[in-house]
Amino acid sequence: MAGHSHWANIQRKKSAVDAKRGKVFSKWAKLIANAARTGGGDPDMNLSLRYAMDRARADNMPKDSIDRAVKKGTGELGGAALEEVVYEAYGPNGVAIIIESLTDNRARTAPDLRYILDRKGGSLANSGAVAWMFERKAAFVLQRSELDEDEVMMVALDNGAEDVTTDEAEIIGVTGPQSEFHNLKTAFDEAGYETLDGALRYIPNNFVEIDQEAFQKISALMDALEDNDDVQEVHNNAELST
């Protein structure tokens, strides 16, 4: 979930995208529309829009759908205004949770999340209760394949990365300041690395160790939260004990 298994958990989430592609596309469309609404429809001038479009393309969202989302955001096609809201919560075993959402109705989203959390052994927390346990960073998962670890580390560190994790069997994890997201993505693309995932994520500064039973409960809660139409991303600080 985090710590040693953090990168593997991101990889697992990516493999589940195909099973709910329509819902994933809907989430990316909202992210693109909101970025275009707040910063304009030119991704060369709007880093938030470029980031949203990159994520949509990584999940093979059709170009027409991306273009339509941009037009909705700029007002060419209409559509409700969206608001970015970050919720904080606790899960089973005191696990800290950050929930990123895009919503056109806070009065709907908060009760929906509270209901999910209550059913799965969690609860909403006050603002600031758990956010201090996380730091917003650019995070990438690279397919290890035949990559040379030293080369990957050099490319990553030369382009703003702070940490490179190589202790997973099939993947390499890279983190850096959120301001370096596009530098790192461009460098990895130019180097020909296969990027399994690249996103701005809340990375835990400390962890809660959990056993296998608690892991299953947290996983079920994460899946239920991510299935909500208003939720964009969910992050937690659980670490499966070994």
Protein backbone atom coordinates (compact mmCIF):
# COMPACT_ATOMS: atom_id res chain seq x y z
CA MET A 1 0.00 0.00 0.00
CA ALA A 2 2.89 2.34 0.79
CA GLY A 3 6.54 2.13 1.77
CA HIS A 4 8.08 -0.98 0.27
CA SER A 5 4.88 -1.93 -1.58
CA HIS A 6 3.90 1.61 -2.64
CA TRP A 7 5.17 1.28 -6.21
CA ALA A 8 3.75 -2.20 -6.66
CA ASN A 9 0.36 -0.89 -5.52
CA ILE A 10 0.42 1.84 -8.18
CA GLN A 11 1.26 -0.82 -10.77
CA ARG A 12 -1.69 -2.94 -9.55
CA LYS A 13 -4.03 0.02 -9.95
CA LYS A 14 -2.83 0.59 -13.49
CA SER A 15 -3.56 -3.01 -14.42
CA ALA A 16 -7.16 -2.54 -13.28
CA VAL A 17 -7.80 0.39 -15.62
CA ASP A 18 -9.08 -1.76 -18.48
CA ALA A 19 -11.79 -3.23 -16.27
CA LYS A 20 -13.41 0.18 -15.76
CA ARG A 21 -12.16 2.19 -18.73
CA GLY A 22 -15.36 4.19 -19.19
CA LYS A 23 -15.23 5.45 -15.61
CA VAL A 24 -11.52 6.25 -15.92
CA PHE A 25 -12.13 8.26 -19.09
CA SER A 26 -14.90 10.17 -17.30
CA LYS A 27 -12.50 11.11 -14.51
CA TRP A 28 -9.84 12.28 -16.94
CA ALA A 29 -12.43 14.28 -18.89
CA LYS A 30 -13.35 16.13 -15.69
CA LEU A 31 -9.68 16.76 -14.89
CA ILE A 32 -9.02 18.09 -18.41
CA ALA A 33 -12.14 20.28 -18.44
CA ASN A 34 -11.30 21.78 -15.06
CA ALA A 35 -7.71 22.52 -16.08
CA ALA A 36 -8.87 24.15 -19.33
CA ARG A 37 -11.50 26.20 -17.49
CA THR A 38 -8.99 27.60 -15.00
CA GLY A 39 -5.94 28.03 -17.23
CA GLY A 40 -7.08 28.07 -20.86
CA GLY A 41 -7.15 25.48 -23.61
CA ASP A 42 -3.52 25.62 -24.79
CA PRO A 43 -1.46 22.87 -23.09
CA ASP A 44 1.77 24.65 -24.05
CA MET A 45 0.69 27.57 -21.87
CA ASN A 46 -1.21 25.59 -19.24
CA LEU A 47 0.88 23.01 -17.35
CA SER A 48 -2.15 21.68 -15.47
CA LEU A 49 -3.89 20.96 -18.76
CA ARG A 50 -0.80 19.32 -20.22
CA TYR A 51 -0.55 17.12 -17.13
CA ALA A 52 -4.22 16.11 -17.38
CA MET A 53 -3.93 15.35 -21.10
CA ASP A 54 -0.76 13.30 -20.54
CA ARG A 55 -2.54 11.16 -17.96
CA ALA A 56 -5.52 10.65 -20.25
CA ARG A 57 -3.29 9.63 -23.17
CA ALA A 58 -1.39 7.22 -20.92
CA ASP A 59 -4.69 5.39 -20.36
CA ASN A 60 -5.43 5.46 -24.12
CA MET A 61 -8.27 7.95 -23.92
CA PRO A 62 -9.35 8.77 -27.52
CA LYS A 63 -8.15 12.08 -28.96
CA ASP A 64 -11.72 13.14 -29.79
CA SER A 65 -12.74 12.65 -26.17
CA ILE A 66 -9.76 14.68 -24.97
CA ASP A 67 -10.53 17.51 -27.41
CA ARG A 68 -14.19 17.50 -26.34
CA ALA A 69 -13.19 17.77 -22.68
CA VAL A 70 -10.95 20.75 -23.47
CA LYS A 71 -13.81 22.48 -25.28
CA LYS A 72 -16.13 21.87 -22.36
CA GLY A 73 -13.60 23.48 -20.08
CA THR A 74 -13.14 26.54 -22.28
CA GLY A 75 -16.90 26.97 -22.59
CA GLU A 76 -17.24 26.01 -26.26
CA LEU A 77 -19.50 23.07 -25.42
CA GLY A 78 -20.91 24.15 -22.06
CA GLY A 79 -20.84 22.01 -18.93
CA ALA A 80 -20.97 22.50 -15.17
CA ALA A 81 -18.10 24.24 -13.39
CA LEU A 82 -16.04 21.88 -11.26
CA GLU A 83 -14.30 22.50 -7.95
CA GLU A 84 -11.18 20.78 -6.67
CA VAL A 85 -11.74 19.57 -3.10
CA VAL A 86 -9.28 17.52 -1.04
CA TYR A 87 -10.80 15.47 1.78
CA GLU A 88 -8.90 13.91 4.65
CA ALA A 89 -9.95 10.68 6.34
CA TYR A 90 -8.99 7.78 8.54
CA GLY A 91 -9.31 4.15 7.51
CA PRO A 92 -9.18 0.91 9.50
CA ASN A 93 -6.20 0.62 11.90
CA GLY A 94 -5.79 4.41 11.92
CA VAL A 95 -4.49 4.56 8.36
CA ALA A 96 -4.37 8.16 7.05
CA ILE A 97 -6.13 8.85 3.75
CA ILE A 98 -6.08 11.78 1.30
CA ILE A 99 -8.97 11.91 -1.20
CA GLU A 100 -8.65 14.21 -4.24
CA SER A 101 -11.96 15.09 -5.86
CA LEU A 102 -13.45 17.18 -8.65
CA THR A 103 -17.07 18.00 -7.96
CA ASP A 104 -19.87 20.27 -9.12
CA ASN A 105 -21.71 19.77 -5.82
CA ARG A 106 -19.92 19.62 -2.46
CA ALA A 107 -23.24 18.93 -0.77
CA ARG A 108 -23.36 15.61 -2.65
CA THR A 109 -19.73 14.58 -2.52
CA ALA A 110 -19.00 14.85 1.20
CA PRO A 111 -22.02 12.75 2.31
CA ASP A 112 -21.24 10.16 -0.38
CA LEU A 113 -17.66 9.82 0.87
CA ARG A 114 -18.80 9.72 4.50
CA TYR A 115 -21.19 6.89 3.64
CA ILE A 116 -18.44 4.88 1.91
CA LEU A 117 -16.03 5.41 4.79
CA ASP A 118 -18.60 4.50 7.42
CA ARG A 119 -19.45 1.25 5.63
CA LYS A 120 -15.77 0.28 5.27
CA GLY A 121 -14.54 1.09 8.77
CA GLY A 122 -13.27 4.63 8.17
CA SER A 123 -14.32 8.21 8.87
CA LEU A 124 -13.87 11.70 7.46
CA ALA A 125 -11.34 13.83 9.33
CA ASN A 126 -11.04 17.56 9.88
CA SER A 127 -8.94 19.61 7.48
CA GLY A 128 -5.27 19.31 8.42
CA ALA A 129 -5.74 16.18 10.52
CA VAL A 130 -3.71 13.92 8.21
CA ALA A 131 -2.36 16.17 5.43
CA TRP A 132 0.81 16.84 7.45
CA MET A 133 1.73 13.17 7.05
CA PHE A 134 2.05 13.53 3.25
CA GLU A 135 4.04 15.53 0.73
CA ARG A 136 2.89 16.33 -2.81
CA LYS A 137 5.41 14.96 -5.30
CA ALA A 138 5.89 13.91 -8.91
CA ALA A 139 5.91 10.10 -8.94
CA PHE A 140 6.75 7.74 -11.80
CA VAL A 141 6.69 3.98 -12.19
CA LEU A 142 9.03 2.67 -14.91
CA GLN A 143 8.93 -0.82 -16.39
CA ARG A 144 12.25 -2.33 -15.35
CA SER A 145 12.68 -4.69 -18.35
CA GLU A 146 16.34 -4.49 -19.32
CA LEU A 147 16.91 -0.99 -17.94
CA ASP A 148 20.29 -0.17 -16.47
CA GLU A 149 19.65 1.04 -12.90
CA ASP A 150 22.63 3.38 -12.90
CA GLU A 151 21.54 4.96 -16.18
CA VAL A 152 17.95 5.45 -14.95
CA MET A 153 19.25 7.01 -11.75
CA MET A 154 21.50 9.40 -13.67
CA VAL A 155 18.69 10.48 -16.04
CA ALA A 156 16.27 10.91 -13.13
CA LEU A 157 18.62 12.86 -10.86
CA ASP A 158 19.84 15.06 -13.72
CA ASN A 159 16.23 16.10 -14.38
CA GLY A 160 15.08 16.96 -10.88
CA ALA A 161 14.34 13.63 -9.16
CA GLU A 162 14.97 13.32 -5.43
CA ASP A 163 14.76 9.55 -5.03
CA VAL A 164 14.97 6.41 -7.18
CA THR A 165 13.64 3.13 -5.76
CA THR A 166 15.01 -0.09 -7.27
CA ASP A 167 13.97 -2.71 -4.71
CA GLU A 168 10.89 -3.94 -6.63
CA ALA A 169 11.35 -6.90 -8.97
CA GLU A 170 9.63 -5.56 -12.10
CA ILE A 171 9.53 -1.78 -11.68
CA ILE A 172 11.60 1.27 -10.77
CA GLY A 173 10.03 4.09 -8.78
CA VAL A 174 11.04 7.75 -9.08
CA THR A 175 9.94 10.73 -7.01
CA GLY A 176 10.75 14.42 -7.22
CA PRO A 177 9.28 17.88 -6.57
CA GLN A 178 5.94 18.40 -8.26
CA SER A 179 7.48 21.30 -10.20
CA GLU A 180 9.77 18.80 -11.95
CA PHE A 181 6.98 16.54 -13.26
CA HIS A 182 7.21 17.64 -16.89
CA ASN A 183 11.02 17.70 -16.90
CA LEU A 184 11.10 14.11 -15.67
CA LYS A 185 8.38 12.90 -18.02
CA THR A 186 10.11 14.47 -21.03
CA ALA A 187 13.47 12.97 -20.00
CA PHE A 188 12.00 9.47 -19.59
CA ASP A 189 10.17 9.70 -22.92
CA GLU A 190 13.32 10.85 -24.72
CA ALA A 191 15.33 8.05 -23.10
CA GLY A 192 12.78 5.51 -24.38
CA TYR A 193 11.74 4.29 -20.93
CA GLU A 194 8.33 2.65 -20.63
CA THR A 195 6.39 4.72 -18.08
CA LEU A 196 3.70 2.60 -16.42
CA ASP A 197 2.45 5.54 -14.41
CA GLY A 198 3.30 9.19 -13.96
CA ALA A 199 1.32 11.47 -11.67
CA LEU A 200 1.35 14.05 -8.92
CA ARG A 201 0.75 12.05 -5.76
CA TYR A 202 0.62 12.54 -2.02
CA ILE A 203 3.60 10.51 -0.78
CA PRO A 204 3.53 9.53 2.93
CA ASN A 205 6.24 10.83 5.26
CA ASN A 206 5.43 8.15 7.82
CA PHE A 207 3.58 4.86 7.70
CA VAL A 208 1.15 2.68 9.62
CA GLU A 209 2.14 -0.99 9.55
CA ILE A 210 -0.78 -3.34 8.90
CA ASP A 211 -1.21 -7.11 8.62
CA GLN A 212 -2.77 -9.03 5.74
CA GLU A 213 -6.30 -8.84 7.19
CA ALA A 214 -6.11 -5.07 7.55
CA PHE A 215 -4.58 -4.85 4.08
CA GLN A 216 -7.69 -6.46 2.61
CA LYS A 217 -9.93 -3.99 4.46
CA ILE A 218 -7.91 -0.99 3.31
CA SER A 219 -7.85 -2.29 -0.27
CA ALA A 220 -11.65 -2.65 -0.26
CA LEU A 221 -12.02 0.89 1.09
CA MET A 222 -9.64 2.31 -1.54
CA ASP A 223 -11.55 0.54 -4.33
CA ALA A 224 -14.89 1.85 -3.06
CA LEU A 225 -13.61 5.43 -2.81
CA GLU A 226 -11.97 5.33 -6.24
CA ASP A 227 -15.23 4.05 -7.74
CA ASN A 228 -17.01 7.28 -6.76
CA ASP A 229 -17.53 9.51 -9.79
CA ASP A 230 -16.27 12.64 -8.00
CA VAL A 231 -13.03 11.05 -6.75
CA GLN A 232 -9.89 11.51 -8.81
CA GLU A 233 -7.18 9.93 -6.64
CA VAL A 234 -6.89 8.30 -3.22
CA HIS A 235 -3.67 8.07 -1.21
CA ASN A 236 -2.88 6.35 2.08
CA ASN A 237 0.03 5.66 4.42
CA ALA A 238 -0.50 1.95 5.05
CA GLU A 239 2.51 -0.35 4.87
CA LEU A 240 2.02 -4.11 4.73
CA SER A 241 4.21 -5.71 7.39
CA THR A 242 6.58 -8.45 6.26
